[in-house]
Amino acid sequence: MENFNAHKPAFLAHVLGSLIALLIGPWQFVGSLRNRWPGLHRWSGRIYMMAVLLGGVGGFIVAWTTLAGPVAVAGFATLALIWLYVTGKGYQTVWAGRYAEHRRWMIRSFALTAAAITLRLGLPIAPALGYDFMTGYIIQSWAAWVINLVVAELYLYREVSRTRVPGDGVSV
């Protein structure tokens, strides 16, 4: 409790920003909503990006307070930095008018946002296999986001491979 109280603002920023990003993110990928109300997509996208900024900065600070040791610190801090980076790339590409590239960066961003879900789903696995909770927590500090990012990259690779015309010069 003492650790939580010492870092309460960062923890609350992380939870609030991440929750907003989790709630808004999936709707950004619904093509019929995006096409029918592009202004809503733009505004909710801005809110999503601000939520990731809040959640990512808060998460980076909170990562350093974990009692699970340096491997977990590195896992959570790396997640926060990559989450901020790929979301920033999404922002950069949309402002440059590169919408296909923007979509790819935002798929990666939401995969990292969803690491919160993967973490919680994965936490019971280690105890179910006979390992202690802390071991599972340390493994999940990396696995929760690496698995999601790998799945997103496989999806993006498959999408490009499906739509690529032989000899078109598109690199995957």
N, C-alpha and C. Protein backbone atom coordinates (compact mmCIF):
# COMPACT_ATOMS: atom_id res chain seq x y z
N MET A 1 0.82 -1.19 0.00
CA MET A 1 0.00 0.00 0.00
C MET A 1 0.87 1.26 0.00
N GLU A 2 1.99 1.18 0.70
CA GLU A 2 2.90 2.33 0.77
C GLU A 2 3.45 2.66 -0.62
N ASN A 3 3.80 1.60 -1.38
CA ASN A 3 4.30 1.78 -2.74
C ASN A 3 3.24 2.44 -3.62
N PHE A 4 1.99 2.00 -3.50
CA PHE A 4 0.89 2.58 -4.27
C PHE A 4 0.70 4.05 -3.93
N ASN A 5 0.66 4.38 -2.66
CA ASN A 5 0.44 5.77 -2.24
C ASN A 5 1.55 6.70 -2.70
N ALA A 6 2.77 6.19 -2.76
CA ALA A 6 3.91 7.02 -3.18
C ALA A 6 3.84 7.34 -4.68
N HIS A 7 3.12 6.54 -5.44
CA HIS A 7 3.07 6.72 -6.90
C HIS A 7 1.63 6.81 -7.42
N LYS A 8 0.74 7.25 -6.55
CA LYS A 8 -0.68 7.28 -6.87
C LYS A 8 -1.01 8.10 -8.13
N PRO A 9 -0.49 9.32 -8.31
CA PRO A 9 -0.83 10.08 -9.53
C PRO A 9 -0.44 9.35 -10.82
N ALA A 10 0.76 8.75 -10.85
CA ALA A 10 1.20 8.03 -12.05
C ALA A 10 0.34 6.79 -12.27
N PHE A 11 0.02 6.09 -11.19
CA PHE A 11 -0.82 4.90 -11.31
C PHE A 11 -2.21 5.27 -11.84
N LEU A 12 -2.80 6.31 -11.30
CA LEU A 12 -4.13 6.74 -11.74
C LEU A 12 -4.10 7.22 -13.19
N ALA A 13 -3.04 7.93 -13.59
CA ALA A 13 -2.90 8.36 -14.98
C ALA A 13 -2.82 7.14 -15.89
N HIS A 14 -2.04 6.16 -15.47
CA HIS A 14 -1.89 4.94 -16.26
C HIS A 14 -3.23 4.21 -16.40
N VAL A 15 -3.92 4.04 -15.31
CA VAL A 15 -5.20 3.31 -15.33
C VAL A 15 -6.24 4.07 -16.15
N LEU A 16 -6.38 5.36 -15.91
CA LEU A 16 -7.38 6.16 -16.62
C LEU A 16 -7.08 6.21 -18.12
N GLY A 17 -5.84 6.54 -18.48
CA GLY A 17 -5.48 6.61 -19.89
C GLY A 17 -5.64 5.27 -20.59
N SER A 18 -5.19 4.21 -19.96
CA SER A 18 -5.28 2.88 -20.55
C SER A 18 -6.73 2.44 -20.72
N LEU A 19 -7.56 2.73 -19.73
CA LEU A 19 -8.98 2.36 -19.80
C LEU A 19 -9.67 3.09 -20.95
N ILE A 20 -9.42 4.38 -21.07
CA ILE A 20 -10.01 5.15 -22.17
C ILE A 20 -9.55 4.60 -23.52
N ALA A 21 -8.26 4.30 -23.64
CA ALA A 21 -7.72 3.75 -24.89
C ALA A 21 -8.35 2.39 -25.20
N LEU A 22 -8.53 1.56 -24.17
CA LEU A 22 -9.16 0.25 -24.39
C LEU A 22 -10.61 0.38 -24.84
N LEU A 23 -11.31 1.38 -24.33
CA LEU A 23 -12.72 1.56 -24.68
C LEU A 23 -12.90 2.20 -26.06
N ILE A 24 -12.03 3.12 -26.42
CA ILE A 24 -12.16 3.83 -27.70
C ILE A 24 -11.53 3.06 -28.85
N GLY A 25 -10.41 2.41 -28.59
CA GLY A 25 -9.63 1.78 -29.64
C GLY A 25 -10.38 0.88 -30.60
N PRO A 26 -11.15 -0.09 -30.13
CA PRO A 26 -11.80 -1.01 -31.07
C PRO A 26 -12.72 -0.31 -32.07
N TRP A 27 -13.38 0.75 -31.64
CA TRP A 27 -14.31 1.47 -32.52
C TRP A 27 -13.60 2.16 -33.67
N GLN A 28 -12.32 2.45 -33.50
CA GLN A 28 -11.57 3.11 -34.56
C GLN A 28 -11.39 2.21 -35.78
N PHE A 29 -11.54 0.90 -35.59
CA PHE A 29 -11.34 -0.05 -36.68
C PHE A 29 -12.63 -0.45 -37.38
N VAL A 30 -13.76 0.08 -36.93
CA VAL A 30 -15.04 -0.24 -37.56
C VAL A 30 -15.21 0.66 -38.78
N GLY A 31 -15.01 0.06 -39.95
CA GLY A 31 -15.01 0.81 -41.20
C GLY A 31 -16.29 1.58 -41.46
N SER A 32 -17.44 0.99 -41.15
CA SER A 32 -18.71 1.67 -41.43
C SER A 32 -18.85 2.94 -40.58
N LEU A 33 -18.40 2.90 -39.34
CA LEU A 33 -18.43 4.10 -38.49
C LEU A 33 -17.44 5.15 -39.00
N ARG A 34 -16.25 4.67 -39.32
CA ARG A 34 -15.19 5.58 -39.80
C ARG A 34 -15.60 6.27 -41.10
N ASN A 35 -16.23 5.52 -42.00
CA ASN A 35 -16.63 6.09 -43.28
C ASN A 35 -17.87 6.99 -43.16
N ARG A 36 -18.79 6.61 -42.31
CA ARG A 36 -20.03 7.40 -42.18
C ARG A 36 -19.81 8.69 -41.41
N TRP A 37 -18.98 8.62 -40.35
CA TRP A 37 -18.71 9.80 -39.51
C TRP A 37 -17.20 10.01 -39.38
N PRO A 38 -16.56 10.48 -40.42
CA PRO A 38 -15.09 10.66 -40.35
C PRO A 38 -14.67 11.66 -39.27
N GLY A 39 -15.50 12.66 -39.00
CA GLY A 39 -15.16 13.61 -37.95
C GLY A 39 -15.12 12.94 -36.58
N LEU A 40 -16.05 12.03 -36.33
CA LEU A 40 -16.06 11.27 -35.08
C LEU A 40 -14.80 10.43 -34.97
N HIS A 41 -14.42 9.81 -36.08
CA HIS A 41 -13.20 8.99 -36.09
C HIS A 41 -11.98 9.86 -35.75
N ARG A 42 -11.90 11.04 -36.35
CA ARG A 42 -10.76 11.93 -36.08
C ARG A 42 -10.74 12.36 -34.61
N TRP A 43 -11.88 12.78 -34.08
CA TRP A 43 -11.91 13.25 -32.69
C TRP A 43 -11.68 12.13 -31.69
N SER A 44 -12.30 10.98 -31.94
CA SER A 44 -12.06 9.87 -31.02
C SER A 44 -10.61 9.38 -31.16
N GLY A 45 -10.04 9.50 -32.35
CA GLY A 45 -8.62 9.17 -32.53
C GLY A 45 -7.72 10.09 -31.72
N ARG A 46 -8.06 11.36 -31.70
CA ARG A 46 -7.28 12.31 -30.90
C ARG A 46 -7.39 11.96 -29.41
N ILE A 47 -8.60 11.61 -28.98
CA ILE A 47 -8.80 11.22 -27.58
C ILE A 47 -8.00 9.95 -27.28
N TYR A 48 -8.04 8.99 -28.20
CA TYR A 48 -7.28 7.75 -28.04
C TYR A 48 -5.79 8.07 -27.87
N MET A 49 -5.26 8.93 -28.74
CA MET A 49 -3.83 9.26 -28.68
C MET A 49 -3.47 9.97 -27.37
N MET A 50 -4.34 10.86 -26.90
CA MET A 50 -4.08 11.53 -25.62
C MET A 50 -4.16 10.52 -24.47
N ALA A 51 -5.10 9.57 -24.59
CA ALA A 51 -5.23 8.54 -23.56
C ALA A 51 -3.98 7.66 -23.52
N VAL A 52 -3.44 7.32 -24.70
CA VAL A 52 -2.20 6.53 -24.75
C VAL A 52 -1.04 7.34 -24.16
N LEU A 53 -0.99 8.62 -24.45
CA LEU A 53 0.06 9.46 -23.88
C LEU A 53 -0.02 9.44 -22.35
N LEU A 54 -1.22 9.63 -21.82
CA LEU A 54 -1.42 9.61 -20.37
C LEU A 54 -1.10 8.22 -19.80
N GLY A 55 -1.66 7.19 -20.43
CA GLY A 55 -1.45 5.83 -19.95
C GLY A 55 -0.01 5.37 -20.09
N GLY A 56 0.64 5.75 -21.19
CA GLY A 56 2.01 5.34 -21.43
C GLY A 56 3.01 6.00 -20.50
N VAL A 57 2.86 7.31 -20.31
CA VAL A 57 3.76 8.01 -19.39
C VAL A 57 3.54 7.51 -17.96
N GLY A 58 2.27 7.39 -17.58
CA GLY A 58 1.97 6.85 -16.25
C GLY A 58 2.50 5.43 -16.09
N GLY A 59 2.33 4.62 -17.14
CA GLY A 59 2.81 3.24 -17.10
C GLY A 59 4.32 3.16 -17.01
N PHE A 60 5.02 4.05 -17.70
CA PHE A 60 6.48 4.06 -17.64
C PHE A 60 6.95 4.37 -16.21
N ILE A 61 6.30 5.33 -15.58
CA ILE A 61 6.66 5.68 -14.20
C ILE A 61 6.35 4.52 -13.26
N VAL A 62 5.15 3.96 -13.40
CA VAL A 62 4.72 2.87 -12.52
C VAL A 62 5.60 1.62 -12.72
N ALA A 63 6.08 1.40 -13.94
CA ALA A 63 6.92 0.22 -14.20
C ALA A 63 8.10 0.17 -13.25
N TRP A 64 8.66 1.31 -12.94
CA TRP A 64 9.84 1.37 -12.07
C TRP A 64 9.52 1.10 -10.61
N THR A 65 8.25 1.03 -10.27
CA THR A 65 7.86 0.82 -8.87
C THR A 65 7.47 -0.63 -8.58
N THR A 66 7.48 -1.50 -9.60
CA THR A 66 7.07 -2.87 -9.36
C THR A 66 8.00 -3.55 -8.37
N LEU A 67 7.43 -4.40 -7.57
CA LEU A 67 8.21 -5.16 -6.60
C LEU A 67 8.66 -6.50 -7.17
N ALA A 68 8.40 -6.71 -8.47
CA ALA A 68 8.71 -8.00 -9.10
C ALA A 68 10.14 -8.07 -9.64
N GLY A 69 10.93 -7.02 -9.47
CA GLY A 69 12.33 -7.08 -9.87
C GLY A 69 12.63 -6.46 -11.22
N PRO A 70 13.92 -6.44 -11.57
CA PRO A 70 14.38 -5.73 -12.76
C PRO A 70 13.86 -6.30 -14.09
N VAL A 71 13.61 -7.58 -14.18
CA VAL A 71 13.12 -8.15 -15.43
C VAL A 71 11.70 -7.63 -15.71
N ALA A 72 10.87 -7.59 -14.68
CA ALA A 72 9.50 -7.06 -14.82
C ALA A 72 9.54 -5.55 -15.09
N VAL A 73 10.43 -4.83 -14.41
CA VAL A 73 10.58 -3.40 -14.67
C VAL A 73 10.90 -3.19 -16.15
N ALA A 74 11.87 -3.94 -16.66
CA ALA A 74 12.27 -3.80 -18.06
C ALA A 74 11.12 -4.14 -19.00
N GLY A 75 10.35 -5.18 -18.69
CA GLY A 75 9.23 -5.57 -19.54
C GLY A 75 8.16 -4.50 -19.61
N PHE A 76 7.75 -3.99 -18.45
CA PHE A 76 6.69 -2.98 -18.42
C PHE A 76 7.17 -1.63 -18.96
N ALA A 77 8.40 -1.25 -18.63
CA ALA A 77 8.93 0.02 -19.13
C ALA A 77 9.09 -0.02 -20.66
N THR A 78 9.54 -1.16 -21.18
CA THR A 78 9.68 -1.31 -22.63
C THR A 78 8.32 -1.24 -23.30
N LEU A 79 7.33 -1.89 -22.72
CA LEU A 79 5.97 -1.81 -23.24
C LEU A 79 5.52 -0.36 -23.34
N ALA A 80 5.70 0.40 -22.27
CA ALA A 80 5.27 1.80 -22.25
C ALA A 80 5.96 2.60 -23.36
N LEU A 81 7.26 2.42 -23.50
CA LEU A 81 8.01 3.17 -24.52
C LEU A 81 7.59 2.80 -25.94
N ILE A 82 7.44 1.51 -26.19
CA ILE A 82 7.04 1.09 -27.54
C ILE A 82 5.60 1.52 -27.83
N TRP A 83 4.73 1.46 -26.83
CA TRP A 83 3.34 1.90 -26.98
C TRP A 83 3.30 3.38 -27.37
N LEU A 84 4.07 4.20 -26.68
CA LEU A 84 4.14 5.62 -27.01
C LEU A 84 4.73 5.84 -28.40
N TYR A 85 5.77 5.08 -28.73
CA TYR A 85 6.43 5.24 -30.03
C TYR A 85 5.48 4.90 -31.19
N VAL A 86 4.86 3.71 -31.15
CA VAL A 86 4.03 3.31 -32.29
C VAL A 86 2.79 4.19 -32.42
N THR A 87 2.26 4.65 -31.30
CA THR A 87 1.11 5.57 -31.36
C THR A 87 1.56 6.91 -31.93
N GLY A 88 2.74 7.35 -31.55
CA GLY A 88 3.30 8.58 -32.13
C GLY A 88 3.51 8.45 -33.63
N LYS A 89 3.97 7.28 -34.08
CA LYS A 89 4.12 7.04 -35.51
C LYS A 89 2.75 7.07 -36.20
N GLY A 90 1.74 6.57 -35.54
CA GLY A 90 0.39 6.64 -36.09
C GLY A 90 -0.06 8.07 -36.27
N TYR A 91 0.24 8.90 -35.30
CA TYR A 91 -0.09 10.33 -35.37
C TYR A 91 0.68 11.00 -36.51
N GLN A 92 1.96 10.71 -36.56
CA GLN A 92 2.83 11.30 -37.59
C GLN A 92 2.37 10.93 -38.99
N THR A 93 2.01 9.67 -39.21
CA THR A 93 1.63 9.23 -40.54
C THR A 93 0.26 9.77 -40.96
N VAL A 94 -0.68 9.90 -40.03
CA VAL A 94 -1.99 10.43 -40.42
C VAL A 94 -1.86 11.90 -40.81
N TRP A 95 -1.02 12.65 -40.10
CA TRP A 95 -0.84 14.06 -40.45
C TRP A 95 -0.10 14.23 -41.77
N ALA A 96 0.66 13.21 -42.15
CA ALA A 96 1.36 13.26 -43.43
C ALA A 96 0.47 12.76 -44.57
N GLY A 97 -0.75 12.33 -44.22
CA GLY A 97 -1.69 11.85 -45.23
C GLY A 97 -1.40 10.43 -45.72
N ARG A 98 -0.58 9.69 -44.99
CA ARG A 98 -0.26 8.31 -45.35
C ARG A 98 -1.19 7.37 -44.57
N TYR A 99 -2.43 7.26 -45.04
CA TYR A 99 -3.49 6.59 -44.29
C TYR A 99 -3.29 5.09 -44.15
N ALA A 100 -2.79 4.42 -45.18
CA ALA A 100 -2.54 2.98 -45.07
C ALA A 100 -1.47 2.71 -44.02
N GLU A 101 -0.44 3.52 -44.03
CA GLU A 101 0.64 3.38 -43.04
C GLU A 101 0.11 3.72 -41.64
N HIS A 102 -0.72 4.74 -41.56
CA HIS A 102 -1.35 5.12 -40.28
C HIS A 102 -2.12 3.93 -39.71
N ARG A 103 -2.91 3.29 -40.56
CA ARG A 103 -3.72 2.15 -40.11
C ARG A 103 -2.82 1.05 -39.54
N ARG A 104 -1.70 0.78 -40.20
CA ARG A 104 -0.77 -0.26 -39.73
C ARG A 104 -0.18 0.09 -38.36
N TRP A 105 0.20 1.35 -38.18
CA TRP A 105 0.75 1.77 -36.88
C TRP A 105 -0.31 1.69 -35.79
N MET A 106 -1.55 2.01 -36.15
CA MET A 106 -2.59 2.00 -35.13
C MET A 106 -3.02 0.57 -34.77
N ILE A 107 -2.89 -0.36 -35.70
CA ILE A 107 -3.12 -1.77 -35.36
C ILE A 107 -2.08 -2.20 -34.33
N ARG A 108 -0.84 -1.80 -34.56
CA ARG A 108 0.21 -2.12 -33.58
C ARG A 108 -0.09 -1.45 -32.24
N SER A 109 -0.51 -0.19 -32.29
CA SER A 109 -0.81 0.54 -31.06
C SER A 109 -1.89 -0.16 -30.26
N PHE A 110 -2.97 -0.55 -30.93
CA PHE A 110 -4.05 -1.20 -30.17
C PHE A 110 -3.64 -2.58 -29.69
N ALA A 111 -2.77 -3.27 -30.42
CA ALA A 111 -2.26 -4.55 -29.93
C ALA A 111 -1.54 -4.35 -28.60
N LEU A 112 -0.79 -3.25 -28.51
CA LEU A 112 -0.09 -2.95 -27.25
C LEU A 112 -1.07 -2.47 -26.18
N THR A 113 -2.09 -1.74 -26.57
CA THR A 113 -3.13 -1.34 -25.62
C THR A 113 -3.76 -2.59 -25.00
N ALA A 114 -4.03 -3.57 -25.85
CA ALA A 114 -4.69 -4.80 -25.40
C ALA A 114 -3.78 -5.69 -24.55
N ALA A 115 -2.53 -5.32 -24.38
CA ALA A 115 -1.65 -6.07 -23.49
C ALA A 115 -2.20 -6.11 -22.07
N ALA A 116 -2.97 -5.09 -21.71
CA ALA A 116 -3.61 -5.08 -20.38
C ALA A 116 -4.54 -6.29 -20.23
N ILE A 117 -5.22 -6.64 -21.30
CA ILE A 117 -6.13 -7.78 -21.27
C ILE A 117 -5.33 -9.08 -21.26
N THR A 118 -4.33 -9.18 -22.13
CA THR A 118 -3.51 -10.38 -22.22
C THR A 118 -2.80 -10.65 -20.89
N LEU A 119 -2.32 -9.60 -20.25
CA LEU A 119 -1.67 -9.74 -18.94
C LEU A 119 -2.61 -10.41 -17.94
N ARG A 120 -3.80 -9.88 -17.85
CA ARG A 120 -4.75 -10.41 -16.86
C ARG A 120 -5.22 -11.82 -17.20
N LEU A 121 -5.35 -12.11 -18.49
CA LEU A 121 -5.72 -13.47 -18.87
C LEU A 121 -4.58 -14.45 -18.62
N GLY A 122 -3.35 -13.98 -18.74
CA GLY A 122 -2.19 -14.85 -18.57
C GLY A 122 -1.76 -15.07 -17.14
N LEU A 123 -2.14 -14.20 -16.23
CA LEU A 123 -1.67 -14.32 -14.84
C LEU A 123 -2.02 -15.65 -14.17
N PRO A 124 -3.19 -16.23 -14.40
CA PRO A 124 -3.49 -17.50 -13.73
C PRO A 124 -2.75 -18.71 -14.29
N ILE A 125 -2.07 -18.56 -15.43
CA ILE A 125 -1.44 -19.71 -16.09
C ILE A 125 -0.32 -20.31 -15.24
N ALA A 126 0.61 -19.48 -14.75
CA ALA A 126 1.75 -20.01 -13.98
C ALA A 126 1.29 -20.77 -12.74
N PRO A 127 0.40 -20.20 -11.91
CA PRO A 127 -0.07 -20.98 -10.76
C PRO A 127 -0.79 -22.27 -11.17
N ALA A 128 -1.51 -22.24 -12.29
CA ALA A 128 -2.20 -23.46 -12.75
C ALA A 128 -1.20 -24.53 -13.18
N LEU A 129 -0.01 -24.11 -13.60
CA LEU A 129 1.03 -25.06 -14.00
C LEU A 129 1.95 -25.44 -12.84
N GLY A 130 1.65 -24.92 -11.63
CA GLY A 130 2.43 -25.27 -10.46
C GLY A 130 3.55 -24.31 -10.11
N TYR A 131 3.65 -23.19 -10.83
CA TYR A 131 4.68 -22.19 -10.54
C TYR A 131 4.08 -21.12 -9.65
N ASP A 132 4.93 -20.39 -8.96
CA ASP A 132 4.41 -19.34 -8.08
C ASP A 132 3.93 -18.14 -8.91
N PHE A 133 3.05 -17.36 -8.32
CA PHE A 133 2.44 -16.22 -8.99
C PHE A 133 3.49 -15.23 -9.50
N MET A 134 4.50 -14.93 -8.69
CA MET A 134 5.50 -13.93 -9.07
C MET A 134 6.27 -14.34 -10.32
N THR A 135 6.57 -15.62 -10.46
CA THR A 135 7.24 -16.10 -11.67
C THR A 135 6.36 -15.83 -12.88
N GLY A 136 5.10 -16.13 -12.77
CA GLY A 136 4.16 -15.87 -13.86
C GLY A 136 4.04 -14.39 -14.16
N TYR A 137 4.04 -13.58 -13.12
CA TYR A 137 3.93 -12.13 -13.30
C TYR A 137 5.14 -11.58 -14.06
N ILE A 138 6.30 -12.05 -13.72
CA ILE A 138 7.52 -11.61 -14.40
C ILE A 138 7.49 -12.04 -15.86
N ILE A 139 7.09 -13.26 -16.13
CA ILE A 139 6.98 -13.74 -17.52
C ILE A 139 5.95 -12.91 -18.28
N GLN A 140 4.82 -12.64 -17.64
CA GLN A 140 3.75 -11.88 -18.30
C GLN A 140 4.13 -10.42 -18.55
N SER A 141 5.08 -9.88 -17.78
CA SER A 141 5.51 -8.50 -18.02
C SER A 141 6.08 -8.34 -19.42
N TRP A 142 6.55 -9.41 -19.99
CA TRP A 142 7.05 -9.42 -21.37
C TRP A 142 6.05 -10.08 -22.32
N ALA A 143 5.56 -11.26 -21.93
CA ALA A 143 4.72 -12.06 -22.83
C ALA A 143 3.44 -11.33 -23.22
N ALA A 144 2.84 -10.58 -22.31
CA ALA A 144 1.56 -9.94 -22.57
C ALA A 144 1.61 -9.01 -23.77
N TRP A 145 2.70 -8.30 -23.93
CA TRP A 145 2.77 -7.37 -25.06
C TRP A 145 3.53 -7.94 -26.26
N VAL A 146 4.52 -8.79 -26.01
CA VAL A 146 5.26 -9.37 -27.13
C VAL A 146 4.34 -10.28 -27.95
N ILE A 147 3.54 -11.09 -27.29
CA ILE A 147 2.60 -11.97 -27.99
C ILE A 147 1.64 -11.13 -28.83
N ASN A 148 1.07 -10.09 -28.25
CA ASN A 148 0.13 -9.23 -28.98
C ASN A 148 0.79 -8.58 -30.19
N LEU A 149 2.00 -8.10 -30.01
CA LEU A 149 2.70 -7.43 -31.11
C LEU A 149 3.05 -8.43 -32.22
N VAL A 150 3.44 -9.63 -31.86
CA VAL A 150 3.74 -10.66 -32.86
C VAL A 150 2.47 -11.01 -33.64
N VAL A 151 1.34 -11.16 -32.94
CA VAL A 151 0.08 -11.45 -33.62
C VAL A 151 -0.29 -10.31 -34.57
N ALA A 152 -0.11 -9.07 -34.13
CA ALA A 152 -0.40 -7.92 -35.00
C ALA A 152 0.50 -7.93 -36.23
N GLU A 153 1.78 -8.20 -36.04
CA GLU A 153 2.71 -8.23 -37.18
C GLU A 153 2.38 -9.36 -38.14
N LEU A 154 1.99 -10.51 -37.62
CA LEU A 154 1.59 -11.61 -38.50
C LEU A 154 0.34 -11.24 -39.29
N TYR A 155 -0.60 -10.59 -38.63
CA TYR A 155 -1.81 -10.12 -39.31
C TYR A 155 -1.44 -9.13 -40.42
N LEU A 156 -0.59 -8.18 -40.11
CA LEU A 156 -0.19 -7.18 -41.10
C LEU A 156 0.59 -7.82 -42.25
N TYR A 157 1.44 -8.77 -41.94
CA TYR A 157 2.20 -9.46 -42.98
C TYR A 157 1.25 -10.23 -43.89
N ARG A 158 0.32 -10.93 -43.29
CA ARG A 158 -0.66 -11.70 -44.07
C ARG A 158 -1.52 -10.77 -44.93
N GLU A 159 -1.90 -9.64 -44.37
CA GLU A 159 -2.72 -8.68 -45.12
C GLU A 159 -1.96 -8.15 -46.34
N VAL A 160 -0.70 -7.81 -46.16
CA VAL A 160 0.11 -7.32 -47.27
C VAL A 160 0.34 -8.43 -48.29
N SER A 161 0.61 -9.64 -47.83
CA SER A 161 0.86 -10.76 -48.72
C SER A 161 -0.38 -11.08 -49.56
N ARG A 162 -1.55 -10.96 -48.96
CA ARG A 162 -2.80 -11.24 -49.67
C ARG A 162 -3.09 -10.23 -50.76
N THR A 163 -2.74 -8.97 -50.51
CA THR A 163 -3.10 -7.91 -51.45
C THR A 163 -1.98 -7.53 -52.39
N ARG A 164 -0.82 -8.09 -52.19
CA ARG A 164 0.35 -7.75 -53.00
C ARG A 164 0.27 -8.38 -54.38
N VAL A 165 0.60 -7.61 -55.37
CA VAL A 165 0.68 -8.10 -56.74
C VAL A 165 2.14 -8.42 -57.02
N PRO A 166 2.44 -9.60 -57.54
CA PRO A 166 3.85 -9.95 -57.81
C PRO A 166 4.53 -8.89 -58.67
N GLY A 167 5.71 -8.49 -58.26
CA GLY A 167 6.48 -7.52 -59.02
C GLY A 167 6.08 -6.06 -58.79
N ASP A 168 5.23 -5.79 -57.78
CA ASP A 168 4.79 -4.40 -57.56
C ASP A 168 5.78 -3.60 -56.73
N GLY A 169 6.84 -4.25 -56.23
CA GLY A 169 7.86 -3.51 -55.49
C GLY A 169 7.50 -3.23 -54.05
N VAL A 170 6.36 -3.71 -53.56
CA VAL A 170 5.96 -3.48 -52.18
C VAL A 170 6.78 -4.39 -51.28
N SER A 171 7.46 -3.82 -50.32
CA SER A 171 8.21 -4.65 -49.40
C SER A 171 7.35 -4.91 -48.17
N VAL A 172 7.51 -6.07 -47.62
CA VAL A 172 6.71 -6.48 -46.47
C VAL A 172 7.46 -6.24 -45.27
